[in-house]
Protein backbone atom coordinates (compact mmCIF):
# COMPACT_ATOMS: atom_id res chain seq x y z
CA MET A 1 -6.97 -18.84 -24.11
CA SER A 2 -4.58 -16.90 -21.88
CA ASN A 3 -5.13 -16.58 -18.16
CA TYR A 4 -6.55 -13.20 -17.12
CA TYR A 5 -3.40 -12.30 -15.18
CA GLU A 6 -1.34 -12.51 -18.38
CA ALA A 7 -2.96 -9.33 -19.69
CA TYR A 8 0.05 -7.30 -18.61
CA ASP A 9 2.04 -8.97 -21.40
CA LYS A 10 -0.36 -7.38 -23.85
CA ARG A 11 -0.03 -4.03 -22.07
CA TYR A 12 3.77 -4.14 -22.19
CA LYS A 13 3.70 -4.93 -25.92
CA GLN A 14 1.31 -2.07 -26.59
CA VAL A 15 3.50 0.39 -24.70
CA HIS A 16 6.84 -0.85 -26.03
CA ASP A 17 5.53 -0.74 -29.61
CA LYS A 18 5.21 3.02 -29.10
CA GLY A 19 8.84 3.24 -27.99
CA LEU A 20 7.80 3.88 -24.37
CA SER A 21 8.31 2.12 -21.07
CA TRP A 22 5.30 1.51 -18.85
CA SER A 23 6.82 2.69 -15.58
CA LYS A 24 9.50 5.10 -14.46
CA ASP A 25 12.90 3.75 -13.50
CA SER A 26 12.96 4.66 -9.80
CA ASN A 27 13.54 1.70 -7.49
CA THR A 28 11.36 0.65 -4.56
CA GLU A 29 13.33 1.84 -1.55
CA ILE A 30 11.75 -0.50 0.99
CA VAL A 31 13.24 -3.54 -0.79
CA GLU A 32 16.81 -2.58 0.10
CA GLU A 33 15.68 -1.36 3.51
CA ILE A 34 14.37 -4.85 4.29
CA ILE A 35 17.57 -6.45 2.95
CA ASN A 36 19.62 -4.32 5.32
CA LYS A 37 17.24 -4.58 8.28
CA TYR A 38 17.23 -8.39 8.26
CA HIS A 39 20.87 -8.79 7.15
CA LEU A 40 20.07 -10.46 3.83
CA GLU A 41 22.90 -8.86 1.85
CA ARG A 42 24.63 -12.17 1.05
CA ARG A 43 21.51 -14.26 0.54
CA LYS A 44 20.02 -15.38 -2.77
CA ILE A 45 17.09 -13.17 -3.77
CA LEU A 46 14.08 -13.92 -5.97
CA GLU A 47 11.80 -11.26 -7.42
CA ILE A 48 8.31 -12.31 -8.49
CA GLY A 49 6.75 -9.98 -11.07
CA CYS A 50 9.78 -7.88 -11.99
CA GLY A 51 8.01 -6.08 -14.84
CA GLU A 52 10.46 -3.87 -16.69
CA GLY A 53 13.13 -4.62 -14.11
CA ARG A 54 13.59 -1.36 -12.26
CA ASP A 55 14.17 -3.00 -8.84
CA ALA A 56 16.19 -5.97 -10.07
CA ARG A 57 18.43 -3.74 -12.16
CA TYR A 58 19.11 -1.50 -9.16
CA LEU A 59 19.99 -4.47 -6.92
CA LEU A 60 22.06 -6.27 -9.54
CA ASN A 61 24.10 -3.13 -10.14
CA LYS A 62 24.88 -3.18 -6.40
CA ASN A 63 26.05 -6.81 -6.70
CA TYR A 64 23.13 -8.50 -4.96
CA ASP A 65 22.44 -12.08 -6.11
CA VAL A 66 19.02 -11.64 -7.75
CA LEU A 67 16.90 -13.78 -10.05
CA ALA A 68 14.16 -11.57 -11.49
CA THR A 69 11.08 -13.26 -12.93
CA ASP A 70 7.87 -12.27 -14.64
CA ILE A 71 5.05 -14.06 -16.43
CA SER A 72 5.42 -11.68 -19.39
CA PRO A 73 7.94 -12.66 -22.11
CA GLU A 74 7.71 -9.08 -23.38
CA ALA A 75 8.75 -7.73 -19.99
CA ILE A 76 11.68 -10.13 -19.68
CA ASP A 77 12.85 -9.29 -23.23
CA TYR A 78 12.74 -5.62 -22.24
CA CYS A 79 14.78 -6.32 -19.10
CA ILE A 80 17.45 -8.20 -21.03
CA LYS A 81 17.71 -5.50 -23.70
CA ASN A 82 18.13 -2.83 -21.03
CA ASP A 83 20.48 -4.82 -18.80
CA ALA A 84 22.54 -7.03 -21.08
CA LEU A 85 25.26 -7.31 -18.42
CA HIS A 86 22.87 -9.35 -16.26
CA LYS A 87 20.84 -11.06 -18.98
CA GLY A 88 21.14 -14.41 -17.20
CA ASN A 89 19.38 -12.98 -14.14
CA TYR A 90 16.01 -12.53 -15.87
CA LYS A 91 13.58 -15.38 -16.49
CA VAL A 92 10.01 -15.91 -17.67
CA LEU A 93 8.12 -17.63 -14.86
CA ASP A 94 4.47 -18.21 -13.96
CA VAL A 95 4.55 -18.96 -10.24
CA LEU A 96 0.98 -20.29 -10.42
CA SER A 97 1.83 -23.12 -12.79
CA ASP A 98 5.60 -23.47 -13.35
CA ASN A 99 7.93 -25.63 -11.31
CA SER A 100 11.42 -24.36 -10.53
CA ASP A 101 14.33 -25.26 -8.31
CA GLY A 102 16.08 -23.19 -5.70
CA LYS A 103 15.54 -21.69 -2.26
CA TYR A 104 15.98 -18.03 -1.43
CA GLY A 105 16.82 -15.97 1.62
CA LEU A 106 14.56 -13.20 0.36
CA ILE A 107 11.62 -13.32 -2.01
CA TYR A 108 10.10 -9.96 -2.85
CA SER A 109 7.19 -8.97 -5.04
CA VAL A 110 6.27 -5.38 -5.84
CA ALA A 111 2.77 -4.51 -7.13
CA CYS A 112 2.15 -8.04 -8.40
CA LEU A 113 -0.18 -9.75 -5.91
CA HIS A 114 -3.05 -7.35 -6.60
CA MET A 115 -3.15 -8.61 -10.20
CA LEU A 116 -4.40 -11.96 -8.87
CA VAL A 117 -8.15 -11.83 -8.32
CA LEU A 118 -9.25 -15.42 -7.69
CA ASP A 119 -8.69 -16.98 -4.25
CA GLU A 120 -7.19 -20.12 -5.80
CA ASP A 121 -4.63 -18.05 -7.72
CA ARG A 122 -3.63 -16.06 -4.68
CA SER A 123 -3.25 -19.31 -2.74
CA LYS A 124 -0.92 -20.71 -5.42
CA TYR A 125 1.14 -17.52 -5.28
CA TYR A 126 1.65 -17.88 -1.52
CA SER A 127 2.41 -21.58 -1.88
CA TYR A 128 5.14 -20.85 -4.41
CA ILE A 129 6.72 -18.41 -1.99
CA TYR A 130 6.49 -20.95 0.83
CA ASP A 131 8.06 -23.72 -1.26
CA HIS A 132 10.97 -21.55 -2.42
CA LEU A 133 11.75 -19.64 0.76
CA GLU A 134 14.56 -20.83 3.01
CA ASP A 135 13.41 -21.79 6.51
CA ASN A 136 15.06 -18.69 7.94
CA GLY A 137 14.26 -16.49 4.96
CA TYR A 138 11.93 -13.54 4.56
CA ALA A 139 9.34 -12.53 1.97
CA LEU A 140 8.36 -8.93 1.24
CA ILE A 141 5.09 -8.33 -0.57
CA LEU A 142 3.81 -4.93 -1.72
CA THR A 143 0.25 -4.75 -2.99
CA MET A 144 -2.10 -1.92 -3.87
CA GLY A 145 -4.40 -0.68 -1.12
CA ASP A 146 -4.74 1.40 2.02
CA GLY A 147 -5.22 -1.56 4.36
CA ILE A 148 -8.96 -0.95 4.79
CA ARG A 149 -10.97 -0.87 1.59
CA GLU A 150 -11.52 -3.88 -0.70
CA SER A 151 -12.45 -4.20 -4.36
CA MET A 152 -11.90 -6.46 -7.36
CA SER A 153 -12.08 -6.09 -11.12
CA ASP A 154 -13.91 -8.32 -13.59
CA ILE A 155 -11.34 -10.84 -14.85
CA ASN A 156 -13.35 -11.23 -18.07
CA THR A 157 -12.35 -7.71 -19.13
CA ALA A 158 -8.61 -7.99 -18.36
CA PHE A 159 -7.63 -8.04 -22.04
CA ASP A 160 -10.07 -5.30 -23.10
CA ASN A 161 -8.41 -2.07 -24.20
CA VAL A 162 -8.85 1.05 -22.08
CA ILE A 163 -7.39 4.54 -22.24
CA ARG A 164 -4.67 5.35 -19.72
CA THR A 165 -2.46 8.42 -19.32
CA HIS A 166 1.18 7.49 -19.70
CA GLN A 167 3.23 8.79 -16.76
CA GLU A 168 6.28 10.24 -18.47
CA SER A 169 4.90 11.38 -21.82
CA ASN A 170 1.51 12.46 -20.38
CA GLN A 171 -0.13 11.17 -23.55
CA GLU A 172 -3.27 9.06 -23.59
CA ILE A 173 -2.63 5.57 -24.89
CA GLU A 174 -4.72 2.45 -25.42
CA VAL A 175 -3.63 -0.48 -23.26
CA ALA A 176 -5.04 -3.68 -21.79
CA ALA A 177 -7.19 -3.09 -18.71
CA THR A 178 -5.46 -5.95 -16.80
CA SER A 179 -6.83 -7.13 -13.44
CA CYS A 180 -6.81 -5.89 -9.86
CA ARG A 181 -7.94 -7.08 -6.44
CA ILE A 182 -7.43 -4.83 -3.44
CA VAL A 183 -7.75 -6.39 0.01
CA SER A 184 -7.60 -5.08 3.56
CA PHE A 185 -4.88 -6.01 6.03
CA ASP A 186 -7.39 -8.29 7.76
CA THR A 187 -7.88 -10.27 4.56
CA LEU A 188 -4.17 -10.29 3.80
CA PHE A 189 -3.40 -11.67 7.27
CA LYS A 190 -5.99 -14.44 6.80
CA GLU A 191 -4.50 -15.36 3.42
CA VAL A 192 -1.00 -15.90 4.83
CA SER A 193 -1.93 -17.23 8.29
CA ASN A 194 -1.76 -20.96 7.47
CA GLN A 195 1.81 -20.87 6.17
CA PHE A 196 3.51 -17.73 7.47
CA GLU A 197 4.06 -15.55 10.49
CA VAL A 198 3.74 -11.79 9.94
CA VAL A 199 6.98 -10.07 10.93
CA GLU A 200 5.92 -6.52 10.10
CA TYR A 201 3.46 -4.65 7.93
CA GLY A 202 2.38 -1.13 7.09
CA ILE A 203 1.83 1.49 4.42
CA THR A 204 4.69 2.86 2.35
CA GLU A 205 5.14 4.64 -0.97
CA ILE A 206 6.99 4.03 -4.21
CA GLU A 207 8.30 7.27 -5.65
CA ASN A 208 6.78 8.10 -9.05
CA HIS A 209 4.47 5.08 -8.85
CA PHE A 210 2.33 4.79 -5.70
CA ASP A 211 1.72 7.48 -3.10
CA LYS A 212 0.33 4.76 -0.84
CA ILE A 213 0.86 1.00 -1.03
CA MET A 214 0.56 -1.82 1.53
CA TYR A 215 3.52 -3.96 2.48
CA ILE A 216 3.94 -7.08 4.57
CA VAL A 217 7.05 -9.02 5.64
CA ILE A 218 6.49 -12.71 6.38
CA LYS A 219 8.45 -15.81 7.44
CA LYS A 220 7.58 -19.49 7.22
CA LEU A 221 5.87 -21.02 10.23
């Protein structure tokens, strides 16, 4: 049986079978802002949870050295088909269970952490970042929430179909419910406190995707 957090693979297949993409193609501006702010332009970059590749594609087209990963084979296939020039920069990876080599000056993850509901899974996610981050590197994590409220979905229903309104076509489609855990900044700080120092944090937005989303920049202790 698949892990609950793999339900997005089902959702991507359902959407792509209709000839649609799940998300719009606008990049997450804060990613490049952090690259520039901390002078990471020439460093190796890892993306965890690249989805359909909108951020990786943007950075790769600007000649950044990016490896973009996702647990979903469907998502990675989509990335390769839509960015054949950089097909070697996309890889299927489950950071909770897979081993991989390499250290990175920047690891970023956009709207991925909130898919992990269980404490043990979130801990593995942070440990992967710790193990693959250079000692003087930075990690940028964006996760759903307003910094105050907390909630979590039932992981047993992650693969159940629900009706969602597709952003671009405005049509109602049946897709996997997936999973979601929203935490406050207080909880987020506690989760990272044993391994990382918090460099900065706040609320930002992702155009066409999230009017409000939490972000945190961390370094290894």
